[in-house]
Amino acid sequence: MVHLQHTVIVEPVPRRWFEQAVLTLYDLVAQTRADGGRLFLADGRRVPDVRLAEGGHLRAGAVYEVDDDAARIRVRVLEWDRRSAVRAAQTITDGAVTAEIEGVLRDVERPRTAGLRGSIRSSGTRWAPLTRATGTSRLRLDDWWTAAAGTVPGTASAPLEARLDHRLGVATVRASPHRLPDGRWAIRVSLTARGRSLPRPLTAVALRLAASSLHRSFTGALESAATRWNETVPDLVARDMHGLRERALDALADRPDRT
């Protein structure tokens, strides 16, 4: 078994701003319309590279296809209700590799939990079974904000947990924040990896041999993510909801040079 731990320092996100942002983005999407399979924003601009392929727009069962040169991407709406949940499933096929991801945000008006689950598989080669893996993650938002308000690391279970299952082993990631004196968040992230019963001895040896490399990759990935967060989040949080909505509209809209 390998256990890694690292703490990153990031700029905070106020809970009230986050909840308003979720509602703003939900309403922005809810105001889009479909015409002949093409999607249009509330201001009339077209959403490029996405088309409604099946069902009614933003209704359970609706299927959207995303134009992508490298892969086939389909998104199915499973639930769309401001008072209960938004839930969607995405299938990405790239050659012999297929990834399926389902995401859910519960209670859009005051988000409580968010979660992902997914799988990846390959076909057509003798090694295909070794590429299969499944994963889940769950973020308990009430617990996250409670932990983020504390000035020392909490002792309760981590509000963010993720698990990856493979036939050779299991990896679990947990993250929990606390507040520094200057208001920033210190997020402690841990990774535990272990082999499964039959191949466990071989997996254990491989993990020990790779421990140093895993630690460098683990800390490097976290520090890179924290850098990107700190470069992006403060600008977003500084915007009011009108500014956030306009930025999102511009990001979604068709560019003038596209046809």
C-alpha atoms as a PDB file:
ATOM      1  CA  MET A   1       0.000   0.000   0.000  1.00  0.00           C
ATOM      2  CA  VAL A   2       1.155   3.546  -0.718  1.00  0.00           C
ATOM      3  CA  HIS A   3      -0.090   6.588   1.184  1.00  0.00           C
ATOM      4  CA  LEU A   4       0.709  10.109  -0.048  1.00  0.00           C
ATOM      5  CA  GLN A   5      -0.302  13.459   1.398  1.00  0.00           C
ATOM      6  CA  HIS A   6       0.204  17.049   0.290  1.00  0.00           C
ATOM      7  CA  THR A   7      -1.317  20.436   1.145  1.00  0.00           C
ATOM      8  CA  VAL A   8      -1.919  23.199  -1.386  1.00  0.00           C
ATOM      9  CA  ILE A   9      -2.769  26.845  -0.699  1.00  0.00           C
ATOM     10  CA  VAL A  10      -5.529  28.390  -2.822  1.00  0.00           C
ATOM     11  CA  GLU A  11      -7.688  31.483  -2.934  1.00  0.00           C
ATOM     12  CA  PRO A  12     -11.098  30.968  -1.280  1.00  0.00           C
ATOM     13  CA  VAL A  13     -14.552  30.996  -2.857  1.00  0.00           C
ATOM     14  CA  PRO A  14     -17.276  32.606  -0.710  1.00  0.00           C
ATOM     15  CA  ARG A  15     -20.236  30.285  -0.276  1.00  0.00           C
ATOM     16  CA  ARG A  16     -22.806  32.953  -1.104  1.00  0.00           C
ATOM     17  CA  TRP A  17     -20.987  33.814  -4.347  1.00  0.00           C
ATOM     18  CA  PHE A  18     -20.787  30.140  -5.300  1.00  0.00           C
ATOM     19  CA  GLU A  19     -24.504  29.574  -4.748  1.00  0.00           C
ATOM     20  CA  GLN A  20     -25.422  32.680  -6.748  1.00  0.00           C
ATOM     21  CA  ALA A  21     -23.052  31.606  -9.535  1.00  0.00           C
ATOM     22  CA  VAL A  22     -24.668  28.168  -9.761  1.00  0.00           C
ATOM     23  CA  LEU A  23     -28.112  29.742 -10.102  1.00  0.00           C
ATOM     24  CA  THR A  24     -26.860  32.275 -12.640  1.00  0.00           C
ATOM     25  CA  LEU A  25     -25.354  29.588 -14.860  1.00  0.00           C
ATOM     26  CA  TYR A  26     -28.397  27.347 -14.457  1.00  0.00           C
ATOM     27  CA  ASP A  27     -30.698  30.182 -15.557  1.00  0.00           C
ATOM     28  CA  LEU A  28     -28.399  31.046 -18.472  1.00  0.00           C
ATOM     29  CA  VAL A  29     -28.648  27.486 -19.792  1.00  0.00           C
ATOM     30  CA  ALA A  30     -32.377  27.308 -19.044  1.00  0.00           C
ATOM     31  CA  GLN A  31     -32.925  30.377 -21.229  1.00  0.00           C
ATOM     32  CA  THR A  32     -31.334  28.776 -24.298  1.00  0.00           C
ATOM     33  CA  ARG A  33     -33.615  27.510 -27.047  1.00  0.00           C
ATOM     34  CA  ALA A  34     -33.400  24.858 -29.721  1.00  0.00           C
ATOM     35  CA  ASP A  35     -34.422  25.429 -33.327  1.00  0.00           C
ATOM     36  CA  GLY A  36     -33.970  22.654 -35.853  1.00  0.00           C
ATOM     37  CA  GLY A  37     -31.441  20.998 -33.566  1.00  0.00           C
ATOM     38  CA  ARG A  38     -29.304  24.128 -33.325  1.00  0.00           C
ATOM     39  CA  LEU A  39     -28.965  25.874 -29.967  1.00  0.00           C
ATOM     40  CA  PHE A  40     -29.262  29.615 -29.370  1.00  0.00           C
ATOM     41  CA  LEU A  41     -28.509  31.760 -26.335  1.00  0.00           C
ATOM     42  CA  ALA A  42     -31.003  34.195 -24.864  1.00  0.00           C
ATOM     43  CA  ASP A  43     -29.354  37.062 -26.775  1.00  0.00           C
ATOM     44  CA  GLY A  44     -29.811  35.242 -30.088  1.00  0.00           C
ATOM     45  CA  ARG A  45     -26.247  34.085 -30.632  1.00  0.00           C
ATOM     46  CA  ARG A  46     -25.731  30.464 -31.661  1.00  0.00           C
ATOM     47  CA  VAL A  47     -23.965  27.886 -29.495  1.00  0.00           C
ATOM     48  CA  PRO A  48     -21.417  26.303 -31.855  1.00  0.00           C
ATOM     49  CA  ASP A  49     -20.508  22.633 -32.178  1.00  0.00           C
ATOM     50  CA  VAL A  50     -23.491  21.382 -30.149  1.00  0.00           C
ATOM     51  CA  ARG A  51     -26.798  20.141 -31.543  1.00  0.00           C
ATOM     52  CA  LEU A  52     -29.926  18.586 -30.088  1.00  0.00           C
ATOM     53  CA  ALA A  53     -30.081  15.091 -31.581  1.00  0.00           C
ATOM     54  CA  GLU A  54     -32.973  13.523 -29.650  1.00  0.00           C
ATOM     55  CA  GLY A  55     -35.825  14.543 -27.357  1.00  0.00           C
ATOM     56  CA  GLY A  56     -37.019  17.895 -26.047  1.00  0.00           C
ATOM     57  CA  HIS A  57     -34.519  20.594 -25.146  1.00  0.00           C
ATOM     58  CA  LEU A  58     -33.435  20.369 -21.478  1.00  0.00           C
ATOM     59  CA  ARG A  59     -35.899  17.589 -20.730  1.00  0.00           C
ATOM     60  CA  ALA A  60     -35.087  14.173 -19.346  1.00  0.00           C
ATOM     61  CA  GLY A  61     -34.063  12.010 -22.285  1.00  0.00           C
ATOM     62  CA  ALA A  62     -32.706  14.833 -24.426  1.00  0.00           C
ATOM     63  CA  VAL A  63     -29.493  13.868 -26.247  1.00  0.00           C
ATOM     64  CA  TYR A  64     -26.943  16.396 -27.491  1.00  0.00           C
ATOM     65  CA  GLU A  65     -24.070  15.677 -29.848  1.00  0.00           C
ATOM     66  CA  VAL A  66     -20.848  17.665 -29.703  1.00  0.00           C
ATOM     67  CA  ASP A  67     -18.797  18.185 -32.852  1.00  0.00           C
ATOM     68  CA  ASP A  68     -15.229  17.086 -32.207  1.00  0.00           C
ATOM     69  CA  ASP A  69     -12.665  16.029 -34.777  1.00  0.00           C
ATOM     70  CA  ALA A  70     -11.003  13.511 -32.466  1.00  0.00           C
ATOM     71  CA  ALA A  71     -13.935  11.816 -30.724  1.00  0.00           C
ATOM     72  CA  ARG A  72     -17.664  11.219 -30.735  1.00  0.00           C
ATOM     73  CA  ILE A  73     -19.325  12.941 -27.780  1.00  0.00           C
ATOM     74  CA  ARG A  74     -22.950  12.481 -26.713  1.00  0.00           C
ATOM     75  CA  VAL A  75     -24.590  14.071 -23.662  1.00  0.00           C
ATOM     76  CA  ARG A  76     -27.903  12.815 -22.278  1.00  0.00           C
ATOM     77  CA  VAL A  77     -30.020  14.814 -19.819  1.00  0.00           C
ATOM     78  CA  LEU A  78     -31.222  12.550 -17.012  1.00  0.00           C
ATOM     79  CA  GLU A  79     -32.779  15.209 -14.782  1.00  0.00           C
ATOM     80  CA  TRP A  80     -33.258  18.959 -15.054  1.00  0.00           C
ATOM     81  CA  ASP A  81     -35.007  20.498 -12.072  1.00  0.00           C
ATOM     82  CA  ARG A  82     -33.903  23.638 -10.251  1.00  0.00           C
ATOM     83  CA  ARG A  83     -35.436  22.454  -6.976  1.00  0.00           C
ATOM     84  CA  SER A  84     -34.104  18.904  -6.938  1.00  0.00           C
ATOM     85  CA  ALA A  85     -31.152  18.117  -9.194  1.00  0.00           C
ATOM     86  CA  VAL A  86     -29.363  18.506 -12.487  1.00  0.00           C
ATOM     87  CA  ARG A  87     -28.040  15.175 -13.743  1.00  0.00           C
ATOM     88  CA  ALA A  88     -26.455  14.316 -17.074  1.00  0.00           C
ATOM     89  CA  ALA A  89     -24.463  11.473 -18.632  1.00  0.00           C
ATOM     90  CA  GLN A  90     -21.714  11.881 -21.212  1.00  0.00           C
ATOM     91  CA  THR A  91     -20.302   9.213 -23.527  1.00  0.00           C
ATOM     92  CA  ILE A  92     -16.992   9.826 -25.292  1.00  0.00           C
ATOM     93  CA  THR A  93     -15.810   7.384 -27.943  1.00  0.00           C
ATOM     94  CA  ASP A  94     -12.328   7.745 -29.397  1.00  0.00           C
ATOM     95  CA  GLY A  95     -11.417   4.792 -31.566  1.00  0.00           C
ATOM     96  CA  ALA A  96     -11.469   1.662 -29.418  1.00  0.00           C
ATOM     97  CA  VAL A  97     -11.709   3.611 -26.141  1.00  0.00           C
ATOM     98  CA  THR A  98     -15.050   4.547 -24.602  1.00  0.00           C
ATOM     99  CA  ALA A  99     -15.505   6.684 -21.494  1.00  0.00           C
ATOM    100  CA  GLU A 100     -18.839   7.166 -19.745  1.00  0.00           C
ATOM    101  CA  ILE A 101     -19.312   9.866 -17.101  1.00  0.00           C
ATOM    102  CA  GLU A 102     -22.419  10.766 -15.125  1.00  0.00           C
ATOM    103  CA  GLY A 103     -22.549  13.954 -13.065  1.00  0.00           C
ATOM    104  CA  VAL A 104     -25.131  15.265 -10.614  1.00  0.00           C
ATOM    105  CA  LEU A 105     -25.649  18.466  -8.633  1.00  0.00           C
ATOM    106  CA  ARG A 106     -28.380  18.187  -6.026  1.00  0.00           C
ATOM    107  CA  ASP A 107     -30.560  21.127  -4.931  1.00  0.00           C
ATOM    108  CA  VAL A 108     -29.534  23.793  -7.440  1.00  0.00           C
ATOM    109  CA  GLU A 109     -31.094  26.602  -5.396  1.00  0.00           C
ATOM    110  CA  ARG A 110     -28.799  25.732  -2.486  1.00  0.00           C
ATOM    111  CA  PRO A 111     -26.323  23.092  -3.614  1.00  0.00           C
ATOM    112  CA  ARG A 112     -25.848  20.278  -1.110  1.00  0.00           C
ATOM    113  CA  THR A 113     -23.885  17.578  -2.905  1.00  0.00           C
ATOM    114  CA  ALA A 114     -22.158  17.074  -6.221  1.00  0.00           C
ATOM    115  CA  GLY A 115     -20.989  13.775  -7.603  1.00  0.00           C
ATOM    116  CA  LEU A 116     -19.413  11.994 -10.533  1.00  0.00           C
ATOM    117  CA  ARG A 117     -19.210   8.373 -11.520  1.00  0.00           C
ATOM    118  CA  GLY A 118     -17.729   6.916 -14.626  1.00  0.00           C
ATOM    119  CA  SER A 119     -15.983   4.112 -16.426  1.00  0.00           C
ATOM    120  CA  ILE A 120     -13.465   3.647 -19.193  1.00  0.00           C
ATOM    121  CA  ARG A 121     -12.974   0.605 -21.366  1.00  0.00           C
ATOM    122  CA  SER A 122     -11.200  -0.451 -24.508  1.00  0.00           C
ATOM    123  CA  SER A 123     -11.900  -3.149 -27.073  1.00  0.00           C
ATOM    124  CA  GLY A 124     -10.163  -4.916 -29.899  1.00  0.00           C
ATOM    125  CA  THR A 125      -6.886  -5.937 -28.228  1.00  0.00           C
ATOM    126  CA  ARG A 126      -5.783  -8.737 -25.910  1.00  0.00           C
ATOM    127  CA  TRP A 127      -4.909  -6.106 -23.294  1.00  0.00           C
ATOM    128  CA  ALA A 128      -8.390  -4.536 -23.365  1.00  0.00           C
ATOM    129  CA  PRO A 129      -9.437  -5.991 -19.961  1.00  0.00           C
ATOM    130  CA  LEU A 130      -6.506  -4.186 -18.313  1.00  0.00           C
ATOM    131  CA  THR A 131      -7.770  -0.804 -19.542  1.00  0.00           C
ATOM    132  CA  ARG A 132     -11.122  -1.120 -17.786  1.00  0.00           C
ATOM    133  CA  ALA A 133     -11.619   1.030 -14.717  1.00  0.00           C
ATOM    134  CA  THR A 134     -14.472   2.639 -12.825  1.00  0.00           C
ATOM    135  CA  GLY A 135     -14.507   5.647 -10.560  1.00  0.00           C
ATOM    136  CA  THR A 136     -16.719   7.694  -8.265  1.00  0.00           C
ATOM    137  CA  SER A 137     -16.404  11.017  -6.473  1.00  0.00           C
ATOM    138  CA  ARG A 138     -18.634  12.902  -4.064  1.00  0.00           C
ATOM    139  CA  LEU A 139     -18.402  16.415  -2.672  1.00  0.00           C
ATOM    140  CA  ARG A 140     -20.513  17.221   0.400  1.00  0.00           C
ATOM    141  CA  LEU A 141     -20.830  20.982   0.042  1.00  0.00           C
ATOM    142  CA  ASP A 142     -22.249  21.740   3.507  1.00  0.00           C
ATOM    143  CA  ASP A 143     -19.336  19.875   5.075  1.00  0.00           C
ATOM    144  CA  TRP A 144     -16.852  21.596   2.755  1.00  0.00           C
ATOM    145  CA  TRP A 145     -17.934  25.088   3.800  1.00  0.00           C
ATOM    146  CA  THR A 146     -17.959  24.078   7.467  1.00  0.00           C
ATOM    147  CA  ALA A 147     -14.420  22.721   7.202  1.00  0.00           C
ATOM    148  CA  ALA A 148     -13.289  25.769   5.197  1.00  0.00           C
ATOM    149  CA  ALA A 149     -14.446  28.051   8.019  1.00  0.00           C
ATOM    150  CA  GLY A 150     -12.226  26.295  10.575  1.00  0.00           C
ATOM    151  CA  THR A 151      -8.693  27.457  11.325  1.00  0.00           C
ATOM    152  CA  VAL A 152      -7.209  23.984  11.910  1.00  0.00           C
ATOM    153  CA  PRO A 153      -7.522  20.762   9.915  1.00  0.00           C
ATOM    154  CA  GLY A 154     -10.745  18.998  10.814  1.00  0.00           C
ATOM    155  CA  THR A 155     -10.918  15.507  12.270  1.00  0.00           C
ATOM    156  CA  ALA A 156     -14.197  14.525  10.598  1.00  0.00           C
ATOM    157  CA  SER A 157     -14.303  12.600   7.328  1.00  0.00           C
ATOM    158  CA  ALA A 158     -13.091  14.532   4.283  1.00  0.00           C
ATOM    159  CA  PRO A 159     -15.900  16.367   2.454  1.00  0.00           C
ATOM    160  CA  LEU A 160     -14.401  15.424  -0.931  1.00  0.00           C
ATOM    161  CA  GLU A 161     -13.782  11.759  -1.625  1.00  0.00           C
ATOM    162  CA  ALA A 162     -12.957   9.942  -4.863  1.00  0.00           C
ATOM    163  CA  ARG A 163     -12.221   6.299  -5.650  1.00  0.00           C
ATOM    164  CA  LEU A 164     -10.779   4.569  -8.714  1.00  0.00           C
ATOM    165  CA  ASP A 165     -11.255   0.806  -9.112  1.00  0.00           C
ATOM    166  CA  HIS A 166      -9.130  -1.329 -11.439  1.00  0.00           C
ATOM    167  CA  ARG A 167      -8.690  -5.085 -11.550  1.00  0.00           C
ATOM    168  CA  LEU A 168      -5.136  -4.627 -10.261  1.00  0.00           C
ATOM    169  CA  GLY A 169      -5.903  -2.237  -7.423  1.00  0.00           C
ATOM    170  CA  VAL A 170      -7.850   0.570  -5.804  1.00  0.00           C
ATOM    171  CA  ALA A 171      -6.905   4.226  -5.310  1.00  0.00           C
ATOM    172  CA  THR A 172      -8.719   6.592  -2.946  1.00  0.00           C
ATOM    173  CA  VAL A 173      -8.334  10.367  -2.789  1.00  0.00           C
ATOM    174  CA  ARG A 174      -9.629  12.552   0.028  1.00  0.00           C
ATOM    175  CA  ALA A 175      -9.496  16.346   0.386  1.00  0.00           C
ATOM    176  CA  SER A 176     -10.391  18.700   3.205  1.00  0.00           C
ATOM    177  CA  PRO A 177      -9.868  22.480   3.565  1.00  0.00           C
ATOM    178  CA  HIS A 178      -9.220  24.803   6.467  1.00  0.00           C
ATOM    179  CA  ARG A 179      -8.781  28.573   6.650  1.00  0.00           C
ATOM    180  CA  LEU A 180      -5.420  30.283   7.028  1.00  0.00           C
ATOM    181  CA  PRO A 181      -5.022  33.587   8.941  1.00  0.00           C
ATOM    182  CA  ASP A 182      -4.983  35.527   5.642  1.00  0.00           C
ATOM    183  CA  GLY A 183      -8.288  33.951   4.551  1.00  0.00           C
ATOM    184  CA  ARG A 184      -6.878  31.558   1.963  1.00  0.00           C
ATOM    185  CA  TRP A 185      -7.695  27.865   1.993  1.00  0.00           C
ATOM    186  CA  ALA A 186      -5.174  25.176   2.861  1.00  0.00           C
ATOM    187  CA  ILE A 187      -6.470  22.005   1.236  1.00  0.00           C
ATOM    188  CA  ARG A 188      -4.998  18.763   2.516  1.00  0.00           C
ATOM    189  CA  VAL A 189      -5.144  16.008  -0.103  1.00  0.00           C
ATOM    190  CA  SER A 190      -4.322  12.362   0.545  1.00  0.00           C
ATOM    191  CA  LEU A 191      -3.942   9.451  -1.849  1.00  0.00           C
ATOM    192  CA  THR A 192      -4.026   5.802  -0.814  1.00  0.00           C
ATOM    193  CA  ALA A 193      -3.335   3.035  -3.340  1.00  0.00           C
ATOM    194  CA  ARG A 194      -3.384  -0.710  -2.739  1.00  0.00           C
ATOM    195  CA  GLY A 195      -3.454  -3.885  -4.809  1.00  0.00           C
ATOM    196  CA  ARG A 196      -6.304  -6.351  -5.022  1.00  0.00           C
ATOM    197  CA  SER A 197      -6.147  -9.808  -3.460  1.00  0.00           C
ATOM    198  CA  LEU A 198      -4.814 -11.982  -6.289  1.00  0.00           C
ATOM    199  CA  PRO A 199      -2.247  -9.627  -7.854  1.00  0.00           C
ATOM    200  CA  ARG A 200      -1.647  -7.798  -4.547  1.00  0.00           C
ATOM    201  CA  PRO A 201       1.971  -8.983  -3.961  1.00  0.00           C
ATOM    202  CA  LEU A 202       3.061  -7.903  -7.440  1.00  0.00           C
ATOM    203  CA  THR A 203       1.131  -4.656  -7.224  1.00  0.00           C
ATOM    204  CA  ALA A 204       2.604  -3.920  -3.792  1.00  0.00           C
ATOM    205  CA  VAL A 205       6.147  -4.341  -5.110  1.00  0.00           C
ATOM    206  CA  ALA A 206       5.402  -2.141  -8.121  1.00  0.00           C
ATOM    207  CA  LEU A 207       3.910   0.555  -5.887  1.00  0.00           C
ATOM    208  CA  ARG A 208       6.923   0.543  -3.582  1.00  0.00           C
ATOM    209  CA  LEU A 209       9.331   0.803  -6.493  1.00  0.00           C
ATOM    210  CA  ALA A 210       7.345   3.656  -7.986  1.00  0.00           C
ATOM    211  CA  ALA A 211       6.685   5.462  -4.685  1.00  0.00           C
ATOM    212  CA  SER A 212       9.183   8.268  -5.317  1.00  0.00           C
ATOM    213  CA  SER A 213       7.924   8.882  -8.837  1.00  0.00           C
ATOM    214  CA  LEU A 214       4.307   8.725  -7.648  1.00  0.00           C
ATOM    215  CA  HIS A 215       5.017  11.303  -4.958  1.00  0.00           C
ATOM    216  CA  ARG A 216       6.617  13.704  -7.437  1.00  0.00           C
ATOM    217  CA  SER A 217       3.732  13.269  -9.873  1.00  0.00           C
ATOM    218  CA  PHE A 218       1.157  13.634  -7.090  1.00  0.00           C
ATOM    219  CA  THR A 219       2.585  16.832  -5.638  1.00  0.00           C
ATOM    220  CA  GLY A 220       3.360  18.241  -9.086  1.00  0.00           C
ATOM    221  CA  ALA A 221      -0.196  17.696 -10.299  1.00  0.00           C
ATOM    222  CA  LEU A 222      -1.651  19.287  -7.167  1.00  0.00           C
ATOM    223  CA  GLU A 223       0.651  22.310  -7.326  1.00  0.00           C
ATOM    224  CA  SER A 224      -0.139  22.803 -11.039  1.00  0.00           C
ATOM    225  CA  ALA A 225      -3.871  22.625 -10.296  1.00  0.00           C
ATOM    226  CA  ALA A 226      -3.463  25.115  -7.441  1.00  0.00           C
ATOM    227  CA  THR A 227      -1.542  27.495  -9.709  1.00  0.00           C
ATOM    228  CA  ARG A 228      -4.284  27.386 -12.345  1.00  0.00           C
ATOM    229  CA  TRP A 229      -6.926  27.890  -9.634  1.00  0.00           C
ATOM    230  CA  ASN A 230      -5.126  30.930  -8.228  1.00  0.00           C
ATOM    231  CA  GLU A 231      -4.708  32.417 -11.695  1.00  0.00           C
ATOM    232  CA  THR A 232      -8.409  32.015 -12.551  1.00  0.00           C
ATOM    233  CA  VAL A 233     -10.617  32.023  -9.467  1.00  0.00           C
ATOM    234  CA  PRO A 234      -9.873  35.485  -7.989  1.00  0.00           C
ATOM    235  CA  ASP A 235     -10.950  37.167 -11.240  1.00  0.00           C
ATOM    236  CA  LEU A 236     -14.183  35.160 -11.317  1.00  0.00           C
ATOM    237  CA  VAL A 237     -15.026  35.791  -7.672  1.00  0.00           C
ATOM    238  CA  ALA A 238     -14.429  39.535  -8.166  1.00  0.00           C
ATOM    239  CA  ARG A 239     -17.235  39.639 -10.752  1.00  0.00           C
ATOM    240  CA  ASP A 240     -20.845  40.270  -9.843  1.00  0.00           C
ATOM    241  CA  MET A 241     -23.469  37.963 -11.303  1.00  0.00           C
ATOM    242  CA  HIS A 242     -24.077  40.224 -14.307  1.00  0.00           C
ATOM    243  CA  GLY A 243     -20.378  40.165 -15.161  1.00  0.00           C
ATOM    244  CA  LEU A 244     -20.214  36.399 -14.671  1.00  0.00           C
ATOM    245  CA  ARG A 245     -23.243  35.912 -16.914  1.00  0.00           C
ATOM    246  CA  GLU A 246     -21.759  38.064 -19.673  1.00  0.00           C
ATOM    247  CA  ARG A 247     -18.469  36.182 -19.514  1.00  0.00           C
ATOM    248  CA  ALA A 248     -20.285  32.852 -19.717  1.00  0.00           C
ATOM    249  CA  LEU A 249     -22.391  34.057 -22.663  1.00  0.00           C
ATOM    250  CA  ASP A 250     -19.264  35.111 -24.545  1.00  0.00           C
ATOM    251  CA  ALA A 251     -17.607  31.775 -23.809  1.00  0.00           C
ATOM    252  CA  LEU A 252     -20.591  29.812 -25.122  1.00  0.00           C
ATOM    253  CA  ALA A 253     -21.466  31.971 -28.127  1.00  0.00           C
ATOM    254  CA  ASP A 254     -20.507  31.403 -31.730  1.00  0.00           C
ATOM    255  CA  ARG A 255     -17.621  33.629 -32.835  1.00  0.00           C
ATOM    256  CA  PRO A 256     -18.264  36.054 -35.708  1.00  0.00           C
ATOM    257  CA  ASP A 257     -15.689  34.331 -37.915  1.00  0.00           C
ATOM    258  CA  ARG A 258     -17.464  30.980 -37.667  1.00  0.00           C
ATOM    259  CA  THR A 259     -20.212  29.837 -39.986  1.00  0.00           C
END
